[in-house]
N, C-alpha and C. Protein backbone atom coordinates (compact mmCIF):
# COMPACT_ATOMS: atom_id res chain seq x y z
N MET A 1 0.84 -1.17 0.00
CA MET A 1 0.00 0.00 0.00
C MET A 1 0.89 1.24 0.00
N ALA A 2 0.71 2.09 -0.96
CA ALA A 2 1.51 3.30 -1.07
C ALA A 2 1.06 4.34 -0.05
N ALA A 3 2.02 5.04 0.50
CA ALA A 3 1.71 6.08 1.47
C ALA A 3 1.16 7.30 0.75
N ALA A 4 0.14 7.89 1.34
CA ALA A 4 -0.43 9.12 0.78
C ALA A 4 0.34 10.30 1.37
N GLU A 5 0.49 11.31 0.56
CA GLU A 5 1.15 12.52 1.04
C GLU A 5 0.12 13.63 1.10
N TYR A 6 0.17 14.38 2.19
CA TYR A 6 -0.71 15.52 2.36
C TYR A 6 0.15 16.75 2.57
N PHE A 7 -0.34 17.85 2.15
CA PHE A 7 0.40 19.09 2.28
C PHE A 7 -0.42 20.08 3.08
N ILE A 8 0.25 20.80 3.96
CA ILE A 8 -0.44 21.84 4.71
C ILE A 8 0.20 23.18 4.35
N GLU A 9 -0.61 24.18 4.34
CA GLU A 9 -0.12 25.51 4.01
C GLU A 9 0.26 26.23 5.30
N ILE A 10 1.49 26.70 5.35
CA ILE A 10 1.98 27.44 6.50
C ILE A 10 2.32 28.85 6.03
N PRO A 11 1.71 29.85 6.64
CA PRO A 11 1.96 31.22 6.19
C PRO A 11 3.45 31.57 6.28
N PRO A 12 3.94 32.33 5.31
CA PRO A 12 5.36 32.70 5.27
C PRO A 12 5.84 33.37 6.57
N GLU A 13 4.98 34.16 7.20
CA GLU A 13 5.41 34.83 8.43
C GLU A 13 5.64 33.83 9.57
N VAL A 14 4.93 32.72 9.54
CA VAL A 14 5.16 31.67 10.54
C VAL A 14 6.52 31.01 10.28
N ILE A 15 6.76 30.69 9.03
CA ILE A 15 8.05 30.10 8.66
C ILE A 15 9.18 31.03 9.08
N HIS A 16 9.03 32.29 8.76
CA HIS A 16 10.06 33.28 9.10
C HIS A 16 10.25 33.42 10.61
N SER A 17 9.15 33.52 11.34
CA SER A 17 9.26 33.76 12.78
C SER A 17 9.80 32.56 13.54
N THR A 18 9.52 31.35 13.07
CA THR A 18 10.02 30.16 13.77
C THR A 18 11.47 29.85 13.43
N ARG A 19 11.91 30.32 12.26
CA ARG A 19 13.26 30.01 11.78
C ARG A 19 13.53 28.50 11.78
N MET A 20 12.49 27.76 11.37
CA MET A 20 12.59 26.31 11.32
C MET A 20 12.53 25.84 9.87
N SER A 21 13.26 24.78 9.59
CA SER A 21 13.19 24.17 8.27
C SER A 21 11.92 23.31 8.20
N PRO A 22 11.49 22.95 7.01
CA PRO A 22 10.34 22.05 6.90
C PRO A 22 10.56 20.74 7.66
N GLN A 23 11.79 20.21 7.61
CA GLN A 23 12.07 18.97 8.34
C GLN A 23 11.95 19.18 9.85
N ASP A 24 12.41 20.33 10.34
CA ASP A 24 12.27 20.62 11.77
C ASP A 24 10.80 20.71 12.17
N MET A 25 9.99 21.32 11.33
CA MET A 25 8.55 21.42 11.62
C MET A 25 7.91 20.04 11.63
N LYS A 26 8.31 19.22 10.68
CA LYS A 26 7.79 17.86 10.60
C LYS A 26 8.17 17.07 11.86
N LEU A 27 9.39 17.25 12.32
CA LEU A 27 9.86 16.60 13.55
C LEU A 27 9.03 17.05 14.75
N GLU A 28 8.81 18.35 14.86
CA GLU A 28 8.02 18.88 15.98
C GLU A 28 6.59 18.36 15.94
N LEU A 29 6.03 18.25 14.75
CA LEU A 29 4.68 17.71 14.61
C LEU A 29 4.66 16.24 15.05
N ALA A 30 5.65 15.47 14.62
CA ALA A 30 5.74 14.07 15.01
C ALA A 30 5.84 13.93 16.53
N LEU A 31 6.68 14.75 17.15
CA LEU A 31 6.83 14.71 18.61
C LEU A 31 5.52 15.06 19.31
N THR A 32 4.87 16.09 18.84
CA THR A 32 3.62 16.52 19.46
C THR A 32 2.53 15.46 19.33
N LEU A 33 2.39 14.92 18.13
CA LEU A 33 1.37 13.88 17.93
C LEU A 33 1.66 12.64 18.77
N PHE A 34 2.94 12.27 18.88
CA PHE A 34 3.30 11.13 19.71
C PHE A 34 3.00 11.43 21.18
N GLN A 35 3.40 12.59 21.64
CA GLN A 35 3.21 12.96 23.04
C GLN A 35 1.73 12.97 23.41
N GLN A 36 0.89 13.36 22.47
CA GLN A 36 -0.55 13.41 22.71
C GLN A 36 -1.22 12.04 22.52
N GLY A 37 -0.45 11.05 22.12
CA GLY A 37 -0.99 9.71 21.94
C GLY A 37 -1.78 9.56 20.64
N LYS A 38 -1.59 10.47 19.70
CA LYS A 38 -2.32 10.43 18.43
C LYS A 38 -1.69 9.45 17.45
N ILE A 39 -0.37 9.25 17.55
CA ILE A 39 0.32 8.29 16.69
C ILE A 39 1.28 7.46 17.55
N SER A 40 1.61 6.29 17.05
CA SER A 40 2.50 5.39 17.77
C SER A 40 3.95 5.85 17.69
N PHE A 41 4.78 5.23 18.50
CA PHE A 41 6.22 5.50 18.48
C PHE A 41 6.77 5.27 17.08
N GLY A 42 6.42 4.13 16.48
CA GLY A 42 6.93 3.78 15.16
C GLY A 42 6.53 4.79 14.09
N LYS A 43 5.27 5.20 14.11
CA LYS A 43 4.80 6.17 13.12
C LYS A 43 5.46 7.53 13.34
N ALA A 44 5.61 7.93 14.59
CA ALA A 44 6.27 9.21 14.88
C ALA A 44 7.73 9.17 14.45
N ARG A 45 8.39 8.07 14.71
CA ARG A 45 9.80 7.91 14.32
C ARG A 45 9.94 7.98 12.81
N GLU A 46 9.05 7.29 12.10
CA GLU A 46 9.09 7.33 10.64
C GLU A 46 8.85 8.75 10.13
N MET A 47 7.86 9.42 10.71
CA MET A 47 7.55 10.79 10.29
C MET A 47 8.74 11.71 10.51
N ALA A 48 9.46 11.47 11.60
CA ALA A 48 10.63 12.29 11.93
C ALA A 48 11.86 11.88 11.14
N SER A 49 11.78 10.78 10.39
CA SER A 49 12.91 10.25 9.61
C SER A 49 14.12 9.99 10.49
N MET A 50 13.87 9.30 11.61
CA MET A 50 14.95 9.03 12.56
C MET A 50 15.02 7.53 12.85
N THR A 51 16.19 7.09 13.30
CA THR A 51 16.33 5.70 13.74
C THR A 51 15.61 5.56 15.08
N VAL A 52 15.35 4.32 15.46
CA VAL A 52 14.71 4.06 16.76
C VAL A 52 15.55 4.67 17.87
N TRP A 53 16.84 4.40 17.85
CA TRP A 53 17.73 4.89 18.91
C TRP A 53 17.74 6.42 18.97
N ALA A 54 17.87 7.07 17.83
CA ALA A 54 17.92 8.53 17.80
C ALA A 54 16.60 9.13 18.29
N PHE A 55 15.48 8.52 17.90
CA PHE A 55 14.18 9.04 18.33
C PHE A 55 14.00 8.85 19.83
N GLN A 56 14.43 7.72 20.36
CA GLN A 56 14.36 7.50 21.81
C GLN A 56 15.21 8.53 22.54
N GLN A 57 16.39 8.79 22.03
CA GLN A 57 17.27 9.79 22.64
C GLN A 57 16.62 11.18 22.63
N LEU A 58 16.00 11.53 21.52
CA LEU A 58 15.34 12.82 21.41
C LEU A 58 14.18 12.92 22.40
N LEU A 59 13.38 11.87 22.48
CA LEU A 59 12.27 11.88 23.45
C LEU A 59 12.81 12.07 24.86
N GLY A 60 13.87 11.35 25.20
CA GLY A 60 14.47 11.48 26.53
C GLY A 60 14.98 12.87 26.79
N SER A 61 15.62 13.47 25.81
CA SER A 61 16.17 14.81 25.99
C SER A 61 15.07 15.86 26.16
N ARG A 62 13.89 15.56 25.63
CA ARG A 62 12.75 16.47 25.77
C ARG A 62 11.87 16.13 26.96
N GLY A 63 12.21 15.04 27.67
CA GLY A 63 11.40 14.63 28.82
C GLY A 63 10.05 14.05 28.43
N ILE A 64 9.98 13.50 27.23
CA ILE A 64 8.74 12.88 26.74
C ILE A 64 8.79 11.40 27.04
N LEU A 65 7.82 10.92 27.80
CA LEU A 65 7.79 9.51 28.16
C LEU A 65 7.38 8.65 26.97
N VAL A 66 8.00 7.50 26.87
CA VAL A 66 7.66 6.55 25.81
C VAL A 66 6.53 5.68 26.33
N HIS A 67 5.41 5.73 25.63
CA HIS A 67 4.30 4.86 25.97
C HIS A 67 4.26 3.73 24.95
N TYR A 68 3.95 2.58 25.41
CA TYR A 68 3.94 1.40 24.55
C TYR A 68 2.61 0.71 24.78
N ASP A 69 1.73 0.81 23.80
CA ASP A 69 0.40 0.26 23.98
C ASP A 69 0.19 -0.95 23.09
N LEU A 70 -1.03 -1.45 23.10
CA LEU A 70 -1.36 -2.64 22.33
C LEU A 70 -1.14 -2.43 20.83
N GLN A 71 -1.46 -1.25 20.32
CA GLN A 71 -1.25 -0.97 18.90
C GLN A 71 0.24 -1.06 18.57
N ASP A 72 1.10 -0.50 19.44
CA ASP A 72 2.54 -0.59 19.21
C ASP A 72 2.99 -2.05 19.18
N TYR A 73 2.46 -2.85 20.11
CA TYR A 73 2.81 -4.26 20.16
C TYR A 73 2.44 -4.97 18.86
N PHE A 74 1.21 -4.73 18.38
CA PHE A 74 0.78 -5.39 17.15
C PHE A 74 1.60 -4.94 15.95
N GLU A 75 1.95 -3.66 15.89
CA GLU A 75 2.80 -3.17 14.80
C GLU A 75 4.17 -3.84 14.86
N ASP A 76 4.74 -3.93 16.06
CA ASP A 76 6.03 -4.58 16.21
C ASP A 76 5.94 -6.05 15.84
N GLN A 77 4.88 -6.72 16.28
CA GLN A 77 4.72 -8.15 15.99
C GLN A 77 4.59 -8.37 14.49
N SER A 78 3.87 -7.50 13.80
CA SER A 78 3.73 -7.62 12.34
C SER A 78 5.09 -7.46 11.66
N ALA A 79 5.86 -6.49 12.13
CA ALA A 79 7.19 -6.26 11.55
C ALA A 79 8.10 -7.47 11.80
N ILE A 80 8.04 -8.03 13.00
CA ILE A 80 8.85 -9.21 13.33
C ILE A 80 8.44 -10.39 12.47
N ASP A 81 7.13 -10.59 12.32
CA ASP A 81 6.64 -11.68 11.49
C ASP A 81 7.10 -11.53 10.05
N ALA A 82 7.04 -10.32 9.52
CA ALA A 82 7.47 -10.07 8.14
C ALA A 82 8.96 -10.33 7.98
N LEU A 83 9.74 -9.90 8.95
CA LEU A 83 11.19 -10.14 8.90
C LEU A 83 11.51 -11.61 9.02
N THR A 84 10.79 -12.32 9.87
CA THR A 84 11.00 -13.74 10.06
C THR A 84 10.71 -14.51 8.78
N LYS A 85 9.59 -14.16 8.13
CA LYS A 85 9.24 -14.80 6.87
C LYS A 85 10.27 -14.50 5.79
N HIS A 86 10.75 -13.25 5.76
CA HIS A 86 11.74 -12.83 4.76
C HIS A 86 13.05 -13.59 4.99
N ASP A 87 13.48 -13.70 6.24
CA ASP A 87 14.74 -14.38 6.56
C ASP A 87 14.67 -15.87 6.29
N SER A 88 13.47 -16.47 6.45
CA SER A 88 13.36 -17.92 6.24
C SER A 88 13.07 -18.25 4.78
N GLY A 89 12.92 -17.21 3.94
CA GLY A 89 12.72 -17.44 2.53
C GLY A 89 11.30 -17.78 2.13
N GLN A 90 10.34 -17.52 2.99
CA GLN A 90 8.93 -17.82 2.70
C GLN A 90 8.28 -16.72 1.92
């Protein structure tokens, strides 16, 4: 399934006043959505384009607690299953 891309319009004065790059804004959005429980750790990490370790370090440096719920477990289990099948040649 291909990922859909959505675009949001940010007024130029906001871009100027924040002095943030688009990637920095995307990172902040990922952190905020994760902190609010709107997206999982994995989805936030992907959105931020960071490794698991780097994202964990960033969360820790910001004092954001890592929550791990049932959805995270199922996503991890699916990824493990896919890797296991790939490694066994199935």
